Amino acid sequence: MRRNQNIIASTIGTLAAISIGYFGVQIFGRTTMYSISAGLFGLGAGEYLGQVVAKKKHGQRRVVMI
């Protein structure tokens, strides 16, 4: 049941992304949509790296108990 819901949600998300991209190009132009997608990719990569760095710092923290 859960697997089917994931497949349906993924399919709907993919179709929504394609349609938003298509209509975005029609309205804003190709160059603008490339800029938007590059910016979102950069934000996603930055967020991922931020989580990796935060986990490394958190894992190295030492607690001294008396």
PDB file of N, CA and C in Angstrom:
ATOM      1  N   MET A   1       0.831  -1.200   0.000  1.00  0.00           N
ATOM      2  CA  MET A   1       0.000   0.000   0.000  1.00  0.00           C
ATOM      3  C   MET A   1       0.867   1.251   0.000  1.00  0.00           C
ATOM      4  N   ARG A   2       1.851   1.295   0.903  1.00  0.00           N
ATOM      5  CA  ARG A   2       2.730   2.467   1.002  1.00  0.00           C
ATOM      6  C   ARG A   2       3.556   2.632  -0.271  1.00  0.00           C
ATOM      7  N   ARG A   3       4.001   1.514  -0.850  1.00  0.00           N
ATOM      8  CA  ARG A   3       4.807   1.569  -2.075  1.00  0.00           C
ATOM      9  C   ARG A   3       3.996   2.163  -3.228  1.00  0.00           C
ATOM     10  N   ASN A   4       2.734   1.776  -3.338  1.00  0.00           N
ATOM     11  CA  ASN A   4       1.875   2.318  -4.391  1.00  0.00           C
ATOM     12  C   ASN A   4       1.672   3.819  -4.223  1.00  0.00           C
ATOM     13  N   GLN A   5       1.528   4.255  -2.982  1.00  0.00           N
ATOM     14  CA  GLN A   5       1.365   5.691  -2.727  1.00  0.00           C
ATOM     15  C   GLN A   5       2.621   6.450  -3.141  1.00  0.00           C
ATOM     16  N   ASN A   6       3.793   5.880  -2.865  1.00  0.00           N
ATOM     17  CA  ASN A   6       5.044   6.526  -3.263  1.00  0.00           C
ATOM     18  C   ASN A   6       5.164   6.610  -4.778  1.00  0.00           C
ATOM     19  N   ILE A   7       4.778   5.549  -5.474  1.00  0.00           N
ATOM     20  CA  ILE A   7       4.843   5.554  -6.941  1.00  0.00           C
ATOM     21  C   ILE A   7       3.900   6.606  -7.506  1.00  0.00           C
ATOM     22  N   ILE A   8       2.697   6.678  -6.976  1.00  0.00           N
ATOM     23  CA  ILE A   8       1.719   7.661  -7.460  1.00  0.00           C
ATOM     24  C   ILE A   8       2.203   9.081  -7.174  1.00  0.00           C
ATOM     25  N   ALA A   9       2.713   9.325  -5.964  1.00  0.00           N
ATOM     26  CA  ALA A   9       3.203  10.659  -5.606  1.00  0.00           C
ATOM     27  C   ALA A   9       4.397  11.051  -6.473  1.00  0.00           C
ATOM     28  N   SER A  10       5.285  10.108  -6.741  1.00  0.00           N
ATOM     29  CA  SER A  10       6.444  10.402  -7.588  1.00  0.00           C
ATOM     30  C   SER A  10       6.015  10.723  -9.010  1.00  0.00           C
ATOM     31  N   THR A  11       5.069   9.973  -9.523  1.00  0.00           N
ATOM     32  CA  THR A  11       4.572  10.213 -10.881  1.00  0.00           C
ATOM     33  C   THR A  11       3.897  11.575 -10.982  1.00  0.00           C
ATOM     34  N   ILE A  12       3.069  11.904 -10.016  1.00  0.00           N
ATOM     35  CA  ILE A  12       2.388  13.204 -10.024  1.00  0.00           C
ATOM     36  C   ILE A  12       3.409  14.335  -9.896  1.00  0.00           C
ATOM     37  N   GLY A  13       4.389  14.159  -9.019  1.00  0.00           N
ATOM     38  CA  GLY A  13       5.428  15.183  -8.865  1.00  0.00           C
ATOM     39  C   GLY A  13       6.228  15.391 -10.136  1.00  0.00           C
ATOM     40  N   THR A  14       6.552  14.297 -10.813  1.00  0.00           N
ATOM     41  CA  THR A  14       7.300  14.402 -12.069  1.00  0.00           C
ATOM     42  C   THR A  14       6.484  15.102 -13.140  1.00  0.00           C
ATOM     43  N   LEU A  15       5.224  14.726 -13.272  1.00  0.00           N
ATOM     44  CA  LEU A  15       4.358  15.381 -14.262  1.00  0.00           C
ATOM     45  C   LEU A  15       4.157  16.858 -13.946  1.00  0.00           C
ATOM     46  N   ALA A  16       4.040  17.185 -12.667  1.00  0.00           N
ATOM     47  CA  ALA A  16       3.893  18.589 -12.276  1.00  0.00           C
ATOM     48  C   ALA A  16       5.154  19.376 -12.610  1.00  0.00           C
ATOM     49  N   ALA A  17       6.329  18.787 -12.348  1.00  0.00           N
ATOM     50  CA  ALA A  17       7.588  19.477 -12.652  1.00  0.00           C
ATOM     51  C   ALA A  17       7.740  19.703 -14.148  1.00  0.00           C
ATOM     52  N   ILE A  18       7.368  18.715 -14.949  1.00  0.00           N
ATOM     53  CA  ILE A  18       7.464  18.861 -16.407  1.00  0.00           C
ATOM     54  C   ILE A  18       6.517  19.945 -16.896  1.00  0.00           C
ATOM     55  N   SER A  19       5.282  19.946 -16.392  1.00  0.00           N
ATOM     56  CA  SER A  19       4.318  20.947 -16.854  1.00  0.00           C
ATOM     57  C   SER A  19       4.702  22.350 -16.401  1.00  0.00           C
ATOM     58  N   ILE A  20       5.208  22.480 -15.175  1.00  0.00           N
ATOM     59  CA  ILE A  20       5.650  23.799 -14.703  1.00  0.00           C
ATOM     60  C   ILE A  20       6.820  24.287 -15.544  1.00  0.00           C
ATOM     61  N   GLY A  21       7.754  23.382 -15.856  1.00  0.00           N
ATOM     62  CA  GLY A  21       8.886  23.750 -16.702  1.00  0.00           C
ATOM     63  C   GLY A  21       8.445  24.166 -18.092  1.00  0.00           C
ATOM     64  N   TYR A  22       7.506  23.430 -18.665  1.00  0.00           N
ATOM     65  CA  TYR A  22       7.025  23.745 -20.019  1.00  0.00           C
ATOM     66  C   TYR A  22       6.345  25.111 -20.058  1.00  0.00           C
ATOM     67  N   PHE A  23       5.423  25.315 -19.146  1.00  0.00           N
ATOM     68  CA  PHE A  23       4.712  26.597 -19.146  1.00  0.00           C
ATOM     69  C   PHE A  23       5.625  27.738 -18.708  1.00  0.00           C
ATOM     70  N   GLY A  24       6.587  27.451 -17.854  1.00  0.00           N
ATOM     71  CA  GLY A  24       7.550  28.480 -17.468  1.00  0.00           C
ATOM     72  C   GLY A  24       8.376  28.951 -18.650  1.00  0.00           C
ATOM     73  N   VAL A  25       8.781  28.014 -19.498  1.00  0.00           N
ATOM     74  CA  VAL A  25       9.542  28.387 -20.699  1.00  0.00           C
ATOM     75  C   VAL A  25       8.667  29.199 -21.635  1.00  0.00           C
ATOM     76  N   GLN A  26       7.400  28.835 -21.769  1.00  0.00           N
ATOM     77  CA  GLN A  26       6.500  29.573 -22.645  1.00  0.00           C
ATOM     78  C   GLN A  26       6.301  31.007 -22.156  1.00  0.00           C
ATOM     79  N   ILE A  27       6.240  31.181 -20.842  1.00  0.00           N
ATOM     80  CA  ILE A  27       5.950  32.499 -20.284  1.00  0.00           C
ATOM     81  C   ILE A  27       7.224  33.330 -20.109  1.00  0.00           C
ATOM     82  N   PHE A  28       8.246  32.748 -19.473  1.00  0.00           N
ATOM     83  CA  PHE A  28       9.437  33.511 -19.103  1.00  0.00           C
ATOM     84  C   PHE A  28      10.576  33.419 -20.107  1.00  0.00           C
ATOM     85  N   GLY A  29      10.605  32.389 -20.899  1.00  0.00           N
ATOM     86  CA  GLY A  29      11.705  32.203 -21.836  1.00  0.00           C
ATOM     87  C   GLY A  29      12.702  31.175 -21.315  1.00  0.00           C
ATOM     88  N   ARG A  30      13.462  30.643 -22.254  1.00  0.00           N
ATOM     89  CA  ARG A  30      14.381  29.556 -21.928  1.00  0.00           C
ATOM     90  C   ARG A  30      15.494  30.000 -20.994  1.00  0.00           C
ATOM     91  N   THR A  31      16.072  31.160 -21.245  1.00  0.00           N
ATOM     92  CA  THR A  31      17.204  31.620 -20.438  1.00  0.00           C
ATOM     93  C   THR A  31      16.803  31.833 -18.979  1.00  0.00           C
ATOM     94  N   THR A  32      15.649  32.413 -18.760  1.00  0.00           N
ATOM     95  CA  THR A  32      15.168  32.646 -17.403  1.00  0.00           C
ATOM     96  C   THR A  32      14.934  31.336 -16.673  1.00  0.00           C
ATOM     97  N   MET A  33      14.357  30.371 -17.356  1.00  0.00           N
ATOM     98  CA  MET A  33      14.099  29.082 -16.722  1.00  0.00           C
ATOM     99  C   MET A  33      15.398  28.348 -16.413  1.00  0.00           C
ATOM    100  N   TYR A  34      16.405  28.478 -17.285  1.00  0.00           N
ATOM    101  CA  TYR A  34      17.717  27.900 -16.973  1.00  0.00           C
ATOM    102  C   TYR A  34      18.298  28.545 -15.720  1.00  0.00           C
ATOM    103  N   SER A  35      18.150  29.846 -15.608  1.00  0.00           N
ATOM    104  CA  SER A  35      18.664  30.552 -14.432  1.00  0.00           C
ATOM    105  C   SER A  35      17.949  30.102 -13.163  1.00  0.00           C
ATOM    106  N   ILE A  36      16.636  29.974 -13.237  1.00  0.00           N
ATOM    107  CA  ILE A  36      15.869  29.526 -12.074  1.00  0.00           C
ATOM    108  C   ILE A  36      16.278  28.112 -11.676  1.00  0.00           C
ATOM    109  N   SER A  37      16.415  27.227 -12.661  1.00  0.00           N
ATOM    110  CA  SER A  37      16.775  25.844 -12.327  1.00  0.00           C
ATOM    111  C   SER A  37      18.194  25.761 -11.764  1.00  0.00           C
ATOM    112  N   ALA A  38      19.112  26.554 -12.292  1.00  0.00           N
ATOM    113  CA  ALA A  38      20.478  26.555 -11.754  1.00  0.00           C
ATOM    114  C   ALA A  38      20.492  27.079 -10.320  1.00  0.00           C
ATOM    115  N   GLY A  39      19.699  28.104 -10.050  1.00  0.00           N
ATOM    116  CA  GLY A  39      19.612  28.636  -8.691  1.00  0.00           C
ATOM    117  C   GLY A  39      19.034  27.627  -7.718  1.00  0.00           C
ATOM    118  N   LEU A  40      17.989  26.920  -8.127  1.00  0.00           N
ATOM    119  CA  LEU A  40      17.393  25.906  -7.256  1.00  0.00           C
ATOM    120  C   LEU A  40      18.344  24.736  -7.046  1.00  0.00           C
ATOM    121  N   PHE A  41      19.082  24.376  -8.081  1.00  0.00           N
ATOM    122  CA  PHE A  41      20.083  23.312  -7.936  1.00  0.00           C
ATOM    123  C   PHE A  41      21.145  23.736  -6.929  1.00  0.00           C
ATOM    124  N   GLY A  42      21.585  24.989  -7.027  1.00  0.00           N
ATOM    125  CA  GLY A  42      22.575  25.504  -6.089  1.00  0.00           C
ATOM    126  C   GLY A  42      22.063  25.516  -4.659  1.00  0.00           C
ATOM    127  N   LEU A  43      20.810  25.906  -4.472  1.00  0.00           N
ATOM    128  CA  LEU A  43      20.220  25.891  -3.132  1.00  0.00           C
ATOM    129  C   LEU A  43      20.149  24.475  -2.574  1.00  0.00           C
ATOM    130  N   GLY A  44      19.758  23.529  -3.404  1.00  0.00           N
ATOM    131  CA  GLY A  44      19.683  22.141  -2.965  1.00  0.00           C
ATOM    132  C   GLY A  44      21.044  21.588  -2.594  1.00  0.00           C
ATOM    133  N   ALA A  45      22.052  21.885  -3.426  1.00  0.00           N
ATOM    134  CA  ALA A  45      23.408  21.411  -3.137  1.00  0.00           C
ATOM    135  C   ALA A  45      23.942  22.053  -1.862  1.00  0.00           C
ATOM    136  N   GLY A  46      23.681  23.333  -1.675  1.00  0.00           N
ATOM    137  CA  GLY A  46      24.117  24.022  -0.465  1.00  0.00           C
ATOM    138  C   GLY A  46      23.462  23.461   0.783  1.00  0.00           C
ATOM    139  N   GLU A  47      22.179  23.152   0.693  1.00  0.00           N
ATOM    140  CA  GLU A  47      21.469  22.576   1.836  1.00  0.00           C
ATOM    141  C   GLU A  47      22.030  21.192   2.164  1.00  0.00           C
ATOM    142  N   TYR A  48      22.301  20.402   1.146  1.00  0.00           N
ATOM    143  CA  TYR A  48      22.867  19.067   1.361  1.00  0.00           C
ATOM    144  C   TYR A  48      24.234  19.166   2.047  1.00  0.00           C
ATOM    145  N   LEU A  49      25.087  20.036   1.527  1.00  0.00           N
ATOM    146  CA  LEU A  49      26.414  20.193   2.116  1.00  0.00           C
ATOM    147  C   LEU A  49      26.331  20.731   3.544  1.00  0.00           C
ATOM    148  N   GLY A  50      25.380  21.614   3.787  1.00  0.00           N
ATOM    149  CA  GLY A  50      25.187  22.131   5.134  1.00  0.00           C
ATOM    150  C   GLY A  50      24.801  21.031   6.111  1.00  0.00           C
ATOM    151  N   GLN A  51      23.963  20.108   5.671  1.00  0.00           N
ATOM    152  CA  GLN A  51      23.577  18.991   6.539  1.00  0.00           C
ATOM    153  C   GLN A  51      24.759  18.066   6.789  1.00  0.00           C
ATOM    154  N   VAL A  52      25.578  17.831   5.760  1.00  0.00           N
ATOM    155  CA  VAL A  52      26.744  16.959   5.923  1.00  0.00           C
ATOM    156  C   VAL A  52      27.719  17.576   6.920  1.00  0.00           C
ATOM    157  N   VAL A  53      27.976  18.871   6.789  1.00  0.00           N
ATOM    158  CA  VAL A  53      28.904  19.544   7.694  1.00  0.00           C
ATOM    159  C   VAL A  53      28.346  19.539   9.118  1.00  0.00           C
ATOM    160  N   ALA A  54      27.050  19.779   9.257  1.00  0.00           N
ATOM    161  CA  ALA A  54      26.436  19.791  10.584  1.00  0.00           C
ATOM    162  C   ALA A  54      26.531  18.417  11.244  1.00  0.00           C
ATOM    163  N   LYS A  55      26.360  17.352  10.475  1.00  0.00           N
ATOM    164  CA  LYS A  55      26.461  16.004  11.042  1.00  0.00           C
ATOM    165  C   LYS A  55      27.888  15.709  11.473  1.00  0.00           C
ATOM    166  N   LYS A  56      28.872  16.164  10.693  1.00  0.00           N
ATOM    167  CA  LYS A  56      30.269  15.934  11.060  1.00  0.00           C
ATOM    168  C   LYS A  56      30.616  16.681  12.343  1.00  0.00           C
ATOM    169  N   LYS A  57      30.161  17.913  12.456  1.00  0.00           N
ATOM    170  CA  LYS A  57      30.442  18.688  13.673  1.00  0.00           C
ATOM    171  C   LYS A  57      29.735  18.079  14.871  1.00  0.00           C
ATOM    172  N   HIS A  58      28.530  17.635  14.648  1.00  0.00           N
ATOM    173  CA  HIS A  58      27.763  17.051  15.746  1.00  0.00           C
ATOM    174  C   HIS A  58      28.397  15.741  16.203  1.00  0.00           C
ATOM    175  N   GLY A  59      28.916  14.959  15.272  1.00  0.00           N
ATOM    176  CA  GLY A  59      29.533  13.683  15.616  1.00  0.00           C
ATOM    177  C   GLY A  59      30.851  13.841  16.350  1.00  0.00           C
ATOM    178  N   GLN A  60      31.545  14.960  16.166  1.00  0.00           N
ATOM    179  CA  GLN A  60      32.838  15.172  16.791  1.00  0.00           C
ATOM    180  C   GLN A  60      32.726  15.826  18.164  1.00  0.00           C
ATOM    181  N   ARG A  61      31.541  16.237  18.534  1.00  0.00           N
ATOM    182  CA  ARG A  61      31.358  16.905  19.807  1.00  0.00           C
ATOM    183  C   ARG A  61      31.575  15.903  20.940  1.00  0.00           C
ATOM    184  N   ARG A  62      32.348  16.306  21.915  1.00  0.00           N
ATOM    185  CA  ARG A  62      32.605  15.439  23.042  1.00  0.00           C
ATOM    186  C   ARG A  62      31.980  16.045  24.300  1.00  0.00           C
ATOM    187  N   VAL A  63      31.386  15.196  25.093  1.00  0.00           N
ATOM    188  CA  VAL A  63      30.765  15.637  26.318  1.00  0.00           C
ATOM    189  C   VAL A  63      31.532  15.050  27.478  1.00  0.00           C
ATOM    190  N   VAL A  64      31.963  15.909  28.390  1.00  0.00           N
ATOM    191  CA  VAL A  64      32.684  15.469  29.574  1.00  0.00           C
ATOM    192  C   VAL A  64      31.724  15.497  30.746  1.00  0.00           C
ATOM    193  N   MET A  65      31.535  14.333  31.345  1.00  0.00           N
ATOM    194  CA  MET A  65      30.619  14.249  32.489  1.00  0.00           C
ATOM    195  C   MET A  65      31.438  14.018  33.754  1.00  0.00           C
ATOM    196  N   ILE A  66      31.113  14.745  34.781  1.00  0.00           N
ATOM    197  CA  ILE A  66      31.842  14.611  36.058  1.00  0.00           C
ATOM    198  C   ILE A  66      30.946  13.940  37.064  1.00  0.00           C
TER     199      ILE A  66
END
